[in-house]
Amino acid sequence: MSQMLDIHAGLRDRVLSLDLRPGEKLTERLLERDYGASRTPVRAALLKLESEGLMCRDGRSWVVAPIDLGEITLLAEFRATLEASAVRFACERAAAEDIDAIGEMLDRCRPGVPRDEWHKAGTDFHIEIGRLSGNSFLARAVADVMTRLSRPRWLEVLTEPSREQAWAEHRRILDSIRRNQPDAAAQQAVAHVYDTRDRLLRSLDDNRRGFRARGLALVGSGVRAE
């Protein structure tokens, strides 16, 4: 079991960091050699990645799941409901010290922070807000959605203005939770989810040709606000 978990964690990190590109083919035999493992833990790790939407089958091979623009639209609809509920519960249940800890995390993401650190902090913000809801099912669902969005978010947060806009939206949500304003926090969370959707789709769609030239597989089309 531990070997399977190690293989899964290693492959997951490589997929989410785009070291393994969307659309890239893998074989169990190659992975067995790379990880010095037998077929059983390798296949179990791949099946777990498949359940997370990060890997899919292609005959006898495996393929790193393409980035699906249509999925981004559907995930936004799901996130809007999840995160509106999460911030409302956080207003009721979050301890002041936990809110302060998230604020400190945001404060470390200022101009000049490396992109990978900013990306991690942006993901952690949503996961931590889910945790502050005090509802383990909500928290798990938020974390799962953020995993599925990790790769498109990495491609989208190329510019400082995009990162700064997201940072300001995170700060407004957190401030509303701190002031115990559930309606305002929920409205800001929903607006942030859809603003993020639009930025993701605009960036990915506008750069589709360039991403494909780099070997990054994009499929589908998204519906975004104009």
Foldseek 3Di string as FASTA:
>chain_A
DVLLVVLLVVVLVCQLVCVPFAFHKDALVVSCVVSVHDSVSSVVSQVVCVVLVQWDDDVRIIGGHAQELAVLQVLLVVQLVLLLLLLLLLLVAADPVLLVVLVVLLVVPDPPDDLVSLLVNLLVLQLSSQVSSVDVVSSVVSNSSSSSCSNLVSQLPPDPVVSVVLSVLSVQLSVCSVVSNSVSNSVSSSVSSQVVSQSSQVRCVVCVVVCVVVVHGYDYHHDHDD
